[in-house]
């Protein structure tokens, strides 16, 4: 489920899609448990907590994915 914040605050860009950790798991074809382990190891895009749930801005996820692709292409 992708959320779109309606707040115009600088901390929350208006219209920026937000992914829950379960959305990220589905996007990457991983289990929610794996996503949580990766988060604890620091191997995820930057995110933030709302209550007990972690959220990620889609732009941060896309930037992280691009960086991972560049790292893997440079290592070949």
C-alpha atoms as a PDB file:
ATOM      1  CA  UNK A   1       0.000   0.000   0.000  1.00  0.00           C
ATOM      2  CA  UNK A   2       1.491   3.311  -1.067  1.00  0.00           C
ATOM      3  CA  UNK A   3       0.631   6.319   1.033  1.00  0.00           C
ATOM      4  CA  UNK A   4       0.717   9.881  -0.196  1.00  0.00           C
ATOM      5  CA  UNK A   5       1.149  12.520   2.493  1.00  0.00           C
ATOM      6  CA  UNK A   6      -1.006  15.603   2.237  1.00  0.00           C
ATOM      7  CA  UNK A   7       0.989  17.693   4.687  1.00  0.00           C
ATOM      8  CA  UNK A   8       2.931  20.563   3.130  1.00  0.00           C
ATOM      9  CA  UNK A   9       5.615  20.523   5.814  1.00  0.00           C
ATOM     10  CA  UNK A  10       9.270  20.575   4.642  1.00  0.00           C
ATOM     11  CA  UNK A  11       9.838  17.252   6.435  1.00  0.00           C
ATOM     12  CA  UNK A  12       7.143  15.602   4.312  1.00  0.00           C
ATOM     13  CA  UNK A  13       7.274  16.634   0.649  1.00  0.00           C
ATOM     14  CA  UNK A  14       3.731  17.095  -0.642  1.00  0.00           C
ATOM     15  CA  UNK A  15       2.704  14.260  -2.932  1.00  0.00           C
ATOM     16  CA  UNK A  16       5.762  12.099  -2.231  1.00  0.00           C
ATOM     17  CA  UNK A  17       4.700   8.424  -2.223  1.00  0.00           C
ATOM     18  CA  UNK A  18       5.615   6.496   0.910  1.00  0.00           C
ATOM     19  CA  UNK A  19       6.203   2.740   1.041  1.00  0.00           C
ATOM     20  CA  UNK A  20       5.687   0.597   4.126  1.00  0.00           C
ATOM     21  CA  UNK A  21       8.219  -2.110   4.919  1.00  0.00           C
ATOM     22  CA  UNK A  22       5.746  -4.700   3.573  1.00  0.00           C
ATOM     23  CA  UNK A  23       5.541  -2.735   0.295  1.00  0.00           C
ATOM     24  CA  UNK A  24       9.325  -2.765   0.049  1.00  0.00           C
ATOM     25  CA  UNK A  25       9.366  -6.520   0.673  1.00  0.00           C
ATOM     26  CA  UNK A  26       6.843  -7.051  -2.121  1.00  0.00           C
ATOM     27  CA  UNK A  27       8.719  -4.710  -4.481  1.00  0.00           C
ATOM     28  CA  UNK A  28      11.980  -6.585  -3.957  1.00  0.00           C
ATOM     29  CA  UNK A  29      10.460 -10.076  -3.783  1.00  0.00           C
ATOM     30  CA  UNK A  30      11.727 -10.597  -0.235  1.00  0.00           C
ATOM     31  CA  UNK A  31      10.013 -11.624   2.964  1.00  0.00           C
ATOM     32  CA  UNK A  32       9.087  -9.016   5.543  1.00  0.00           C
ATOM     33  CA  UNK A  33      11.486 -10.754   7.922  1.00  0.00           C
ATOM     34  CA  UNK A  34      14.355 -10.289   5.437  1.00  0.00           C
ATOM     35  CA  UNK A  35      13.521  -6.592   5.058  1.00  0.00           C
ATOM     36  CA  UNK A  36      13.593  -6.178   8.835  1.00  0.00           C
ATOM     37  CA  UNK A  37      16.956  -7.959   9.091  1.00  0.00           C
ATOM     38  CA  UNK A  38      18.378  -5.774   6.296  1.00  0.00           C
ATOM     39  CA  UNK A  39      17.104  -2.674   8.086  1.00  0.00           C
ATOM     40  CA  UNK A  40      18.817  -3.718  11.320  1.00  0.00           C
ATOM     41  CA  UNK A  41      22.072  -4.246   9.397  1.00  0.00           C
ATOM     42  CA  UNK A  42      21.747  -0.827   7.762  1.00  0.00           C
ATOM     43  CA  UNK A  43      21.310  -2.255   4.255  1.00  0.00           C
ATOM     44  CA  UNK A  44      18.164  -0.361   3.265  1.00  0.00           C
ATOM     45  CA  UNK A  45      17.332   3.113   2.024  1.00  0.00           C
ATOM     46  CA  UNK A  46      16.931   5.702   4.746  1.00  0.00           C
ATOM     47  CA  UNK A  47      13.518   5.492   6.352  1.00  0.00           C
ATOM     48  CA  UNK A  48      11.525   6.659   9.323  1.00  0.00           C
ATOM     49  CA  UNK A  49       9.252   5.153  11.934  1.00  0.00           C
ATOM     50  CA  UNK A  50       5.603   5.824  12.490  1.00  0.00           C
ATOM     51  CA  UNK A  51       4.642   3.927  15.624  1.00  0.00           C
ATOM     52  CA  UNK A  52       6.047   0.433  15.181  1.00  0.00           C
ATOM     53  CA  UNK A  53       6.105   0.576  11.380  1.00  0.00           C
ATOM     54  CA  UNK A  54       8.917   1.715   9.111  1.00  0.00           C
ATOM     55  CA  UNK A  55       8.223   3.876   6.074  1.00  0.00           C
ATOM     56  CA  UNK A  56      10.374   4.810   3.099  1.00  0.00           C
ATOM     57  CA  UNK A  57      10.005   7.631   0.587  1.00  0.00           C
ATOM     58  CA  UNK A  58       9.780   6.186  -2.913  1.00  0.00           C
ATOM     59  CA  UNK A  59      12.438   8.639  -4.140  1.00  0.00           C
ATOM     60  CA  UNK A  60      14.887   7.270  -1.516  1.00  0.00           C
ATOM     61  CA  UNK A  61      14.083   3.691  -2.555  1.00  0.00           C
ATOM     62  CA  UNK A  62      14.675   4.515  -6.224  1.00  0.00           C
ATOM     63  CA  UNK A  63      17.963   6.277  -5.424  1.00  0.00           C
ATOM     64  CA  UNK A  64      19.073   3.287  -3.328  1.00  0.00           C
ATOM     65  CA  UNK A  65      18.178   0.866  -6.140  1.00  0.00           C
ATOM     66  CA  UNK A  66      20.124   2.965  -8.689  1.00  0.00           C
ATOM     67  CA  UNK A  67      23.155   3.038  -6.379  1.00  0.00           C
ATOM     68  CA  UNK A  68      22.984  -0.744  -5.921  1.00  0.00           C
ATOM     69  CA  UNK A  69      22.802  -1.248  -9.700  1.00  0.00           C
ATOM     70  CA  UNK A  70      25.819   1.025 -10.242  1.00  0.00           C
ATOM     71  CA  UNK A  71      27.778  -0.787  -7.522  1.00  0.00           C
ATOM     72  CA  UNK A  72      27.044  -4.178  -9.056  1.00  0.00           C
ATOM     73  CA  UNK A  73      27.929  -3.006 -12.569  1.00  0.00           C
ATOM     74  CA  UNK A  74      31.182  -1.439 -11.378  1.00  0.00           C
ATOM     75  CA  UNK A  75      32.220  -4.652  -9.616  1.00  0.00           C
ATOM     76  CA  UNK A  76      31.887  -6.757 -12.764  1.00  0.00           C
END
